[in-house]
Amino acid sequence: MSLPITFRPEARAELVEAWAWYEEQRPGLGDDLAACVEAAIGKAARQPDAYVEVHEGVRRVIVRRFPYGVFYVVEAGELLVLAVAHGRRRPHYWRERAPTRSR
């Protein structure tokens, strides 16, 4: 059973931007990226605890073939995608999107 998936608007915008860049490089490559991101998110939705926790409840699944990671949290029975982040740009910028945890 998979969790329902929700994207933060910023994460959706990052995916669209990356798709457009890859499409400019070679037609169809953006679609390949989108399929790989979708596959990574699908794996995370099926086994959300299988991926490494990188920051206070935030986990990351690596995207196959592309230098991207998908950062997510599980909240209220759904997988919330916080960021679709390039692995070599602006590390940790997505942390401000993470929900605060009560301590």
PDB file of N, CA and C in Angstrom:
ATOM      1  N   MET A   1       0.839  -1.186   0.000  1.00  0.00           N
ATOM      2  CA  MET A   1       0.000   0.000   0.000  1.00  0.00           C
ATOM      3  C   MET A   1       0.877   1.241   0.000  1.00  0.00           C
ATOM      4  N   SER A   2       0.583   2.165  -0.862  1.00  0.00           N
ATOM      5  CA  SER A   2       1.352   3.414  -0.975  1.00  0.00           C
ATOM      6  C   SER A   2       0.646   4.553  -0.268  1.00  0.00           C
ATOM      7  N   LEU A   3       1.455   5.432   0.273  1.00  0.00           N
ATOM      8  CA  LEU A   3       0.901   6.654   0.860  1.00  0.00           C
ATOM      9  C   LEU A   3       0.472   7.604  -0.251  1.00  0.00           C
ATOM     10  N   PRO A   4      -0.543   8.412  -0.025  1.00  0.00           N
ATOM     11  CA  PRO A   4      -0.851   9.479  -0.981  1.00  0.00           C
ATOM     12  C   PRO A   4       0.309  10.475  -1.006  1.00  0.00           C
ATOM     13  N   ILE A   5       0.506  11.110  -2.129  1.00  0.00           N
ATOM     14  CA  ILE A   5       1.645  12.010  -2.338  1.00  0.00           C
ATOM     15  C   ILE A   5       1.147  13.430  -2.565  1.00  0.00           C
ATOM     16  N   THR A   6       1.762  14.371  -1.860  1.00  0.00           N
ATOM     17  CA  THR A   6       1.479  15.795  -2.031  1.00  0.00           C
ATOM     18  C   THR A   6       2.805  16.521  -2.228  1.00  0.00           C
ATOM     19  N   PHE A   7       2.824  17.480  -3.137  1.00  0.00           N
ATOM     20  CA  PHE A   7       4.014  18.303  -3.379  1.00  0.00           C
ATOM     21  C   PHE A   7       3.811  19.682  -2.771  1.00  0.00           C
ATOM     22  N   ARG A   8       4.831  20.187  -2.116  1.00  0.00           N
ATOM     23  CA  ARG A   8       4.829  21.621  -1.805  1.00  0.00           C
ATOM     24  C   ARG A   8       4.966  22.338  -3.136  1.00  0.00           C
ATOM     25  N   PRO A   9       4.379  23.518  -3.285  1.00  0.00           N
ATOM     26  CA  PRO A   9       4.465  24.235  -4.562  1.00  0.00           C
ATOM     27  C   PRO A   9       5.910  24.471  -5.011  1.00  0.00           C
ATOM     28  N   GLU A  10       6.794  24.731  -4.071  1.00  0.00           N
ATOM     29  CA  GLU A  10       8.198  24.971  -4.429  1.00  0.00           C
ATOM     30  C   GLU A  10       8.845  23.718  -5.019  1.00  0.00           C
ATOM     31  N   ALA A  11       8.491  22.572  -4.488  1.00  0.00           N
ATOM     32  CA  ALA A  11       9.036  21.310  -5.001  1.00  0.00           C
ATOM     33  C   ALA A  11       8.530  21.049  -6.412  1.00  0.00           C
ATOM     34  N   ARG A  12       7.249  21.309  -6.630  1.00  0.00           N
ATOM     35  CA  ARG A  12       6.688  21.141  -7.981  1.00  0.00           C
ATOM     36  C   ARG A  12       7.396  22.083  -8.961  1.00  0.00           C
ATOM     37  N   ALA A  13       7.648  23.328  -8.548  1.00  0.00           N
ATOM     38  CA  ALA A  13       8.336  24.299  -9.405  1.00  0.00           C
ATOM     39  C   ALA A  13       9.767  23.845  -9.709  1.00  0.00           C
ATOM     40  N   GLU A  14      10.433  23.249  -8.730  1.00  0.00           N
ATOM     41  CA  GLU A  14      11.793  22.747  -8.969  1.00  0.00           C
ATOM     42  C   GLU A  14      11.799  21.639 -10.007  1.00  0.00           C
ATOM     43  N   LEU A  15      10.824  20.761  -9.934  1.00  0.00           N
ATOM     44  CA  LEU A  15      10.734  19.681 -10.911  1.00  0.00           C
ATOM     45  C   LEU A  15      10.459  20.227 -12.303  1.00  0.00           C
ATOM     46  N   VAL A  16       9.566  21.181 -12.411  1.00  0.00           N
ATOM     47  CA  VAL A  16       9.249  21.785 -13.711  1.00  0.00           C
ATOM     48  C   VAL A  16      10.472  22.489 -14.289  1.00  0.00           C
ATOM     49  N   GLU A  17      11.193  23.218 -13.450  1.00  0.00           N
ATOM     50  CA  GLU A  17      12.405  23.919 -13.898  1.00  0.00           C
ATOM     51  C   GLU A  17      13.467  22.931 -14.379  1.00  0.00           C
ATOM     52  N   ALA A  18      13.681  21.864 -13.627  1.00  0.00           N
ATOM     53  CA  ALA A  18      14.668  20.853 -14.026  1.00  0.00           C
ATOM     54  C   ALA A  18      14.232  20.172 -15.319  1.00  0.00           C
ATOM     55  N   TRP A  19      12.944  19.868 -15.429  1.00  0.00           N
ATOM     56  CA  TRP A  19      12.425  19.245 -16.649  1.00  0.00           C
ATOM     57  C   TRP A  19      12.719  20.133 -17.856  1.00  0.00           C
ATOM     58  N   ALA A  20      12.438  21.429 -17.738  1.00  0.00           N
ATOM     59  CA  ALA A  20      12.658  22.363 -18.854  1.00  0.00           C
ATOM     60  C   ALA A  20      14.130  22.428 -19.235  1.00  0.00           C
ATOM     61  N   TRP A  21      15.017  22.447 -18.234  1.00  0.00           N
ATOM     62  CA  TRP A  21      16.455  22.510 -18.530  1.00  0.00           C
ATOM     63  C   TRP A  21      16.900  21.262 -19.287  1.00  0.00           C
ATOM     64  N   TYR A  22      16.472  20.093 -18.832  1.00  0.00           N
ATOM     65  CA  TYR A  22      16.861  18.858 -19.507  1.00  0.00           C
ATOM     66  C   TYR A  22      16.237  18.749 -20.899  1.00  0.00           C
ATOM     67  N   GLU A  23      15.036  19.250 -21.068  1.00  0.00           N
ATOM     68  CA  GLU A  23      14.415  19.244 -22.398  1.00  0.00           C
ATOM     69  C   GLU A  23      15.198  20.114 -23.372  1.00  0.00           C
ATOM     70  N   GLU A  24      15.756  21.234 -22.890  1.00  0.00           N
ATOM     71  CA  GLU A  24      16.593  22.090 -23.745  1.00  0.00           C
ATOM     72  C   GLU A  24      17.863  21.377 -24.167  1.00  0.00           C
ATOM     73  N   GLN A  25      18.383  20.540 -23.289  1.00  0.00           N
ATOM     74  CA  GLN A  25      19.623  19.831 -23.604  1.00  0.00           C
ATOM     75  C   GLN A  25      19.392  18.782 -24.685  1.00  0.00           C
ATOM     76  N   ARG A  26      18.287  18.058 -24.542  1.00  0.00           N
ATOM     77  CA  ARG A  26      17.920  17.043 -25.539  1.00  0.00           C
ATOM     78  C   ARG A  26      16.444  16.721 -25.396  1.00  0.00           C
ATOM     79  N   PRO A  27      15.682  16.890 -26.462  1.00  0.00           N
ATOM     80  CA  PRO A  27      14.255  16.578 -26.376  1.00  0.00           C
ATOM     81  C   PRO A  27      14.032  15.153 -25.855  1.00  0.00           C
ATOM     82  N   GLY A  28      13.138  15.056 -24.899  1.00  0.00           N
ATOM     83  CA  GLY A  28      12.835  13.765 -24.295  1.00  0.00           C
ATOM     84  C   GLY A  28      13.581  13.521 -22.989  1.00  0.00           C
ATOM     85  N   LEU A  29      14.686  14.230 -22.779  1.00  0.00           N
ATOM     86  CA  LEU A  29      15.464  14.019 -21.564  1.00  0.00           C
ATOM     87  C   LEU A  29      14.722  14.529 -20.328  1.00  0.00           C
ATOM     88  N   GLY A  30      13.967  15.595 -20.481  1.00  0.00           N
ATOM     89  CA  GLY A  30      13.153  16.079 -19.374  1.00  0.00           C
ATOM     90  C   GLY A  30      12.105  15.060 -18.970  1.00  0.00           C
ATOM     91  N   ASP A  31      11.525  14.394 -19.967  1.00  0.00           N
ATOM     92  CA  ASP A  31      10.554  13.341 -19.668  1.00  0.00           C
ATOM     93  C   ASP A  31      11.223  12.175 -18.939  1.00  0.00           C
ATOM     94  N   ASP A  32      12.471  11.868 -19.315  1.00  0.00           N
ATOM     95  CA  ASP A  32      13.215  10.822 -18.609  1.00  0.00           C
ATOM     96  C   ASP A  32      13.424  11.216 -17.154  1.00  0.00           C
ATOM     97  N   LEU A  33      13.797  12.470 -16.917  1.00  0.00           N
ATOM     98  CA  LEU A  33      13.972  12.955 -15.553  1.00  0.00           C
ATOM     99  C   LEU A  33      12.667  12.811 -14.775  1.00  0.00           C
ATOM    100  N   ALA A  34      11.577  13.273 -15.361  1.00  0.00           N
ATOM    101  CA  ALA A  34      10.283  13.215 -14.676  1.00  0.00           C
ATOM    102  C   ALA A  34       9.913  11.774 -14.327  1.00  0.00           C
ATOM    103  N   ALA A  35      10.177  10.846 -15.228  1.00  0.00           N
ATOM    104  CA  ALA A  35       9.869   9.429 -14.962  1.00  0.00           C
ATOM    105  C   ALA A  35      10.732   8.892 -13.823  1.00  0.00           C
ATOM    106  N   CYS A  36      12.001   9.281 -13.792  1.00  0.00           N
ATOM    107  CA  CYS A  36      12.886   8.818 -12.718  1.00  0.00           C
ATOM    108  C   CYS A  36      12.493   9.425 -11.372  1.00  0.00           C
ATOM    109  N   VAL A  37      12.103  10.688 -11.368  1.00  0.00           N
ATOM    110  CA  VAL A  37      11.636  11.324 -10.133  1.00  0.00           C
ATOM    111  C   VAL A  37      10.351  10.639  -9.662  1.00  0.00           C
ATOM    112  N   GLU A  38       9.443  10.391 -10.575  1.00  0.00           N
ATOM    113  CA  GLU A  38       8.194   9.714 -10.230  1.00  0.00           C
ATOM    114  C   GLU A  38       8.461   8.329  -9.646  1.00  0.00           C
ATOM    115  N   ALA A  39       9.407   7.604 -10.233  1.00  0.00           N
ATOM    116  CA  ALA A  39       9.751   6.272  -9.722  1.00  0.00           C
ATOM    117  C   ALA A  39      10.327   6.360  -8.309  1.00  0.00           C
ATOM    118  N   ALA A  40      11.204   7.336  -8.079  1.00  0.00           N
ATOM    119  CA  ALA A  40      11.799   7.503  -6.749  1.00  0.00           C
ATOM    120  C   ALA A  40      10.735   7.835  -5.711  1.00  0.00           C
ATOM    121  N   ILE A  41       9.833   8.734  -6.065  1.00  0.00           N
ATOM    122  CA  ILE A  41       8.765   9.109  -5.136  1.00  0.00           C
ATOM    123  C   ILE A  41       7.841   7.915  -4.889  1.00  0.00           C
ATOM    124  N   GLY A  42       7.572   7.145  -5.920  1.00  0.00           N
ATOM    125  CA  GLY A  42       6.738   5.949  -5.757  1.00  0.00           C
ATOM    126  C   GLY A  42       7.349   4.954  -4.788  1.00  0.00           C
ATOM    127  N   LYS A  43       8.668   4.761  -4.881  1.00  0.00           N
ATOM    128  CA  LYS A  43       9.343   3.856  -3.938  1.00  0.00           C
ATOM    129  C   LYS A  43       9.212   4.388  -2.512  1.00  0.00           C
ATOM    130  N   ALA A  44       9.412   5.690  -2.361  1.00  0.00           N
ATOM    131  CA  ALA A  44       9.314   6.299  -1.031  1.00  0.00           C
ATOM    132  C   ALA A  44       7.893   6.182  -0.484  1.00  0.00           C
ATOM    133  N   ALA A  45       6.899   6.324  -1.345  1.00  0.00           N
ATOM    134  CA  ALA A  45       5.503   6.226  -0.902  1.00  0.00           C
ATOM    135  C   ALA A  45       5.160   4.805  -0.455  1.00  0.00           C
ATOM    136  N   ARG A  46       5.803   3.816  -1.077  1.00  0.00           N
ATOM    137  CA  ARG A  46       5.552   2.418  -0.696  1.00  0.00           C
ATOM    138  C   ARG A  46       6.304   2.021   0.571  1.00  0.00           C
ATOM    139  N   GLN A  47       7.514   2.574   0.746  1.00  0.00           N
ATOM    140  CA  GLN A  47       8.337   2.244   1.912  1.00  0.00           C
ATOM    141  C   GLN A  47       8.978   3.517   2.468  1.00  0.00           C
ATOM    142  N   PRO A  48       8.214   4.381   3.067  1.00  0.00           N
ATOM    143  CA  PRO A  48       8.727   5.687   3.477  1.00  0.00           C
ATOM    144  C   PRO A  48       9.854   5.642   4.501  1.00  0.00           C
ATOM    145  N   ASP A  49       9.890   4.615   5.321  1.00  0.00           N
ATOM    146  CA  ASP A  49      10.936   4.531   6.342  1.00  0.00           C
ATOM    147  C   ASP A  49      12.222   3.881   5.827  1.00  0.00           C
ATOM    148  N   ALA A  50      12.237   3.466   4.585  1.00  0.00           N
ATOM    149  CA  ALA A  50      13.400   2.767   4.031  1.00  0.00           C
ATOM    150  C   ALA A  50      14.547   3.709   3.678  1.00  0.00           C
ATOM    151  N   TYR A  51      14.288   4.992   3.640  1.00  0.00           N
ATOM    152  CA  TYR A  51      15.298   5.939   3.176  1.00  0.00           C
ATOM    153  C   TYR A  51      15.858   6.738   4.342  1.00  0.00           C
ATOM    154  N   VAL A  52      17.072   7.198   4.164  1.00  0.00           N
ATOM    155  CA  VAL A  52      17.824   7.827   5.248  1.00  0.00           C
ATOM    156  C   VAL A  52      17.175   9.135   5.713  1.00  0.00           C
ATOM    157  N   GLU A  53      17.118   9.286   7.030  1.00  0.00           N
ATOM    158  CA  GLU A  53      16.650  10.538   7.607  1.00  0.00           C
ATOM    159  C   GLU A  53      17.832  11.504   7.594  1.00  0.00           C
ATOM    160  N   VAL A  54      17.660  12.627   6.926  1.00  0.00           N
ATOM    161  CA  VAL A  54      18.760  13.579   6.765  1.00  0.00           C
ATOM    162  C   VAL A  54      18.628  14.798   7.667  1.00  0.00           C
ATOM    163  N   HIS A  55      17.426  15.002   8.201  1.00  0.00           N
ATOM    164  CA  HIS A  55      17.212  16.156   9.069  1.00  0.00           C
ATOM    165  C   HIS A  55      15.861  16.047   9.753  1.00  0.00           C
ATOM    166  N   GLU A  56      15.835  15.888  11.054  1.00  0.00           N
ATOM    167  CA  GLU A  56      14.630  15.940  11.882  1.00  0.00           C
ATOM    168  C   GLU A  56      13.340  15.493  11.191  1.00  0.00           C
ATOM    169  N   GLY A  57      13.267  14.230  10.854  1.00  0.00           N
ATOM    170  CA  GLY A  57      12.065  13.681  10.241  1.00  0.00           C
ATOM    171  C   GLY A  57      12.016  13.778   8.732  1.00  0.00           C
ATOM    172  N   VAL A  58      12.972  14.489   8.135  1.00  0.00           N
ATOM    173  CA  VAL A  58      13.034  14.621   6.672  1.00  0.00           C
ATOM    174  C   VAL A  58      13.903  13.490   6.124  1.00  0.00           C
ATOM    175  N   ARG A  59      13.380  12.820   5.139  1.00  0.00           N
ATOM    176  CA  ARG A  59      14.112  11.725   4.488  1.00  0.00           C
ATOM    177  C   ARG A  59      14.413  12.097   3.040  1.00  0.00           C
ATOM    178  N   ARG A  60      15.395  11.379   2.485  1.00  0.00           N
ATOM    179  CA  ARG A  60      15.790  11.642   1.099  1.00  0.00           C
ATOM    180  C   ARG A  60      15.863  10.339   0.328  1.00  0.00           C
ATOM    181  N   VAL A  61      15.281  10.355  -0.869  1.00  0.00           N
ATOM    182  CA  VAL A  61      15.426   9.255  -1.811  1.00  0.00           C
ATOM    183  C   VAL A  61      16.181   9.816  -3.016  1.00  0.00           C
ATOM    184  N   ILE A  62      17.181   9.082  -3.467  1.00  0.00           N
ATOM    185  CA  ILE A  62      18.009   9.506  -4.597  1.00  0.00           C
ATOM    186  C   ILE A  62      17.312   9.142  -5.903  1.00  0.00           C
ATOM    187  N   VAL A  63      17.390  10.049  -6.864  1.00  0.00           N
ATOM    188  CA  VAL A  63      16.792   9.824  -8.182  1.00  0.00           C
ATOM    189  C   VAL A  63      17.805   9.100  -9.068  1.00  0.00           C
ATOM    190  N   ARG A  64      17.392   7.993  -9.647  1.00  0.00           N
ATOM    191  CA  ARG A  64      18.255   7.214 -10.532  1.00  0.00           C
ATOM    192  C   ARG A  64      18.569   8.010 -11.805  1.00  0.00           C
ATOM    193  N   ARG A  65      19.810   7.910 -12.288  1.00  0.00           N
ATOM    194  CA  ARG A  65      20.283   8.501 -13.552  1.00  0.00           C
ATOM    195  C   ARG A  65      20.528  10.000 -13.508  1.00  0.00           C
ATOM    196  N   PHE A  66      19.993  10.707 -12.552  1.00  0.00           N
ATOM    197  CA  PHE A  66      20.097  12.162 -12.501  1.00  0.00           C
ATOM    198  C   PHE A  66      20.626  12.595 -11.138  1.00  0.00           C
ATOM    199  N   PRO A  67      21.321  13.735 -11.082  1.00  0.00           N
ATOM    200  CA  PRO A  67      21.919  14.166  -9.805  1.00  0.00           C
ATOM    201  C   PRO A  67      20.925  14.898  -8.902  1.00  0.00           C
ATOM    202  N   TYR A  68      19.816  14.241  -8.607  1.00  0.00           N
ATOM    203  CA  TYR A  68      18.764  14.845  -7.797  1.00  0.00           C
ATOM    204  C   TYR A  68      18.387  13.936  -6.646  1.00  0.00           C
ATOM    205  N   GLY A  69      17.894  14.577  -5.601  1.00  0.00           N
ATOM    206  CA  GLY A  69      17.311  13.865  -4.475  1.00  0.00           C
ATOM    207  C   GLY A  69      15.940  14.447  -4.207  1.00  0.00           C
ATOM    208  N   VAL A  70      15.052  13.618  -3.719  1.00  0.00           N
ATOM    209  CA  VAL A  70      13.718  14.063  -3.330  1.00  0.00           C
ATOM    210  C   VAL A  70      13.667  14.022  -1.803  1.00  0.00           C
ATOM    211  N   PHE A  71      13.388  15.164  -1.211  1.00  0.00           N
ATOM    212  CA  PHE A  71      13.300  15.291   0.239  1.00  0.00           C
ATOM    213  C   PHE A  71      11.825  15.291   0.627  1.00  0.00           C
ATOM    214  N   TYR A  72      11.494  14.490   1.640  1.00  0.00           N
ATOM    215  CA  TYR A  72      10.087  14.346   1.999  1.00  0.00           C
ATOM    216  C   TYR A  72       9.926  14.094   3.493  1.00  0.00           C
ATOM    217  N   VAL A  73       8.709  14.300   3.946  1.00  0.00           N
ATOM    218  CA  VAL A  73       8.297  13.923   5.296  1.00  0.00           C
ATOM    219  C   VAL A  73       6.994  13.142   5.177  1.00  0.00           C
ATOM    220  N   VAL A  74       6.710  12.368   6.187  1.00  0.00           N
ATOM    221  CA  VAL A  74       5.418  11.688   6.269  1.00  0.00           C
ATOM    222  C   VAL A  74       4.634  12.402   7.352  1.00  0.00           C
ATOM    223  N   GLU A  75       3.486  12.939   6.941  1.00  0.00           N
ATOM    224  CA  GLU A  75       2.616  13.684   7.858  1.00  0.00           C
ATOM    225  C   GLU A  75       1.167  13.329   7.579  1.00  0.00           C
ATOM    226  N   ALA A  76       0.445  13.103   8.635  1.00  0.00           N
ATOM    227  CA  ALA A  76      -0.994  12.841   8.535  1.00  0.00           C
ATOM    228  C   ALA A  76      -1.310  11.773   7.491  1.00  0.00           C
ATOM    229  N   GLY A  77      -0.470  10.738   7.448  1.00  0.00           N
ATOM    230  CA  GLY A  77      -0.726   9.626   6.548  1.00  0.00           C
ATOM    231  C   GLY A  77      -0.456   9.889   5.087  1.00  0.00           C
ATOM    232  N   GLU A  78       0.306  10.932   4.792  1.00  0.00           N
ATOM    233  CA  GLU A  78       0.675  11.195   3.402  1.00  0.00           C
ATOM    234  C   GLU A  78       2.154  11.520   3.297  1.00  0.00           C
ATOM    235  N   LEU A  79       2.710  11.329   2.104  1.00  0.00           N
ATOM    236  CA  LEU A  79       4.094  11.677   1.822  1.00  0.00           C
ATOM    237  C   LEU A  79       4.097  13.092   1.245  1.00  0.00           C
ATOM    238  N   LEU A  80       4.728  14.006   1.948  1.00  0.00           N
ATOM    239  CA  LEU A  80       4.800  15.399   1.522  1.00  0.00           C
ATOM    240  C   LEU A  80       6.184  15.658   0.942  1.00  0.00           C
ATOM    241  N   VAL A  81       6.251  15.952  -0.353  1.00  0.00           N
ATOM    242  CA  VAL A  81       7.520  16.242  -1.027  1.00  0.00           C
ATOM    243  C   VAL A  81       7.876  17.694  -0.745  1.00  0.00           C
ATOM    244  N   LEU A  82       9.019  17.876  -0.073  1.00  0.00           N
ATOM    245  CA  LEU A  82       9.486  19.218   0.287  1.00  0.00           C
ATOM    246  C   LEU A  82      10.325  19.837  -0.816  1.00  0.00           C
ATOM    247  N   ALA A  83      11.137  19.009  -1.492  1.00  0.00           N
ATOM    248  CA  ALA A  83      12.066  19.539  -2.495  1.00  0.00           C
ATOM    249  C   ALA A  83      12.468  18.448  -3.469  1.00  0.00           C
ATOM    250  N   VAL A  84      12.699  18.872  -4.702  1.00  0.00           N
ATOM    251  CA  VAL A  84      13.352  18.050  -5.720  1.00  0.00           C
ATOM    252  C   VAL A  84      14.641  18.805  -6.001  1.00  0.00           C
ATOM    253  N   ALA A  85      15.706  18.386  -5.317  1.00  0.00           N
ATOM    254  CA  ALA A  85      16.919  19.195  -5.243  1.00  0.00           C
ATOM    255  C   ALA A  85      18.091  18.579  -5.995  1.00  0.00           C
ATOM    256  N   HIS A  86      18.794  19.432  -6.734  1.00  0.00           N
ATOM    257  CA  HIS A  86      20.033  19.019  -7.383  1.00  0.00           C
ATOM    258  C   HIS A  86      21.051  18.718  -6.295  1.00  0.00           C
ATOM    259  N   GLY A  87      21.791  17.653  -6.461  1.00  0.00           N
ATOM    260  CA  GLY A  87      22.720  17.198  -5.439  1.00  0.00           C
ATOM    261  C   GLY A  87      23.936  18.073  -5.215  1.00  0.00           C
ATOM    262  N   ARG A  88      24.215  19.007  -6.121  1.00  0.00           N
ATOM    263  CA  ARG A  88      25.421  19.815  -5.989  1.00  0.00           C
ATOM    264  C   ARG A  88      25.153  21.308  -5.901  1.00  0.00           C
ATOM    265  N   ARG A  89      23.916  21.673  -5.693  1.00  0.00           N
ATOM    266  CA  ARG A  89      23.578  23.098  -5.611  1.00  0.00           C
ATOM    267  C   ARG A  89      22.887  23.410  -4.297  1.00  0.00           C
ATOM    268  N   ARG A  90      23.237  24.518  -3.707  1.00  0.00           N
ATOM    269  CA  ARG A  90      22.578  25.049  -2.512  1.00  0.00           C
ATOM    270  C   ARG A  90      22.196  23.977  -1.491  1.00  0.00           C
ATOM    271  N   PRO A  91      23.164  23.332  -0.889  1.00  0.00           N
ATOM    272  CA  PRO A  91      22.812  22.286   0.069  1.00  0.00           C
ATOM    273  C   PRO A  91      21.980  22.847   1.228  1.00  0.00           C
ATOM    274  N   HIS A  92      21.058  22.073   1.662  1.00  0.00           N
ATOM    275  CA  HIS A  92      20.240  22.347   2.854  1.00  0.00           C
ATOM    276  C   HIS A  92      19.236  23.492   2.716  1.00  0.00           C
ATOM    277  N   TYR A  93      19.096  24.094   1.545  1.00  0.00           N
ATOM    278  CA  TYR A  93      18.125  25.187   1.396  1.00  0.00           C
ATOM    279  C   TYR A  93      16.707  24.738   1.734  1.00  0.00           C
ATOM    280  N   TRP A  94      16.417  23.477   1.517  1.00  0.00           N
ATOM    281  CA  TRP A  94      15.079  22.923   1.700  1.00  0.00           C
ATOM    282  C   TRP A  94      14.688  22.801   3.170  1.00  0.00           C
ATOM    283  N   ARG A  95      15.640  22.919   4.074  1.00  0.00           N
ATOM    284  CA  ARG A  95      15.336  22.732   5.499  1.00  0.00           C
ATOM    285  C   ARG A  95      14.273  23.704   6.009  1.00  0.00           C
ATOM    286  N   GLU A  96      14.234  24.895   5.441  1.00  0.00           N
ATOM    287  CA  GLU A  96      13.229  25.868   5.898  1.00  0.00           C
ATOM    288  C   GLU A  96      11.808  25.415   5.539  1.00  0.00           C
ATOM    289  N   ARG A  97      11.671  24.463   4.646  1.00  0.00           N
ATOM    290  CA  ARG A  97      10.362  23.940   4.247  1.00  0.00           C
ATOM    291  C   ARG A  97       9.872  22.831   5.175  1.00  0.00           C
ATOM    292  N   ALA A  98      10.774  22.292   5.954  1.00  0.00           N
ATOM    293  CA  ALA A  98      10.416  21.165   6.823  1.00  0.00           C
ATOM    294  C   ALA A  98       9.474  21.638   7.924  1.00  0.00           C
ATOM    295  N   PRO A  99       8.452  20.861   8.189  1.00  0.00           N
ATOM    296  CA  PRO A  99       7.557  21.218   9.297  1.00  0.00           C
ATOM    297  C   PRO A  99       8.321  21.185  10.611  1.00  0.00           C
ATOM    298  N   THR A 100       7.961  22.068  11.510  1.00  0.00           N
ATOM    299  CA  THR A 100       8.617  22.068  12.819  1.00  0.00           C
ATOM    300  C   THR A 100       8.052  20.937  13.653  1.00  0.00           C
ATOM    301  N   ARG A 101       8.920  20.301  14.356  1.00  0.00           N
ATOM    302  CA  ARG A 101       8.523  19.173  15.210  1.00  0.00           C
ATOM    303  C   ARG A 101       8.391  19.667  16.636  1.00  0.00           C
ATOM    304  N   SER A 102       7.331  19.304  17.291  1.00  0.00           N
ATOM    305  CA  SER A 102       7.210  19.663  18.705  1.00  0.00           C
ATOM    306  C   SER A 102       8.153  18.770  19.502  1.00  0.00           C
ATOM    307  N   ARG A 103       8.771  19.341  20.483  1.00  0.00           N
ATOM    308  CA  ARG A 103       9.755  18.600  21.268  1.00  0.00           C
ATOM    309  C   ARG A 103       9.300  18.473  22.687  1.00  0.00           C
TER     310      ARG A 103
END
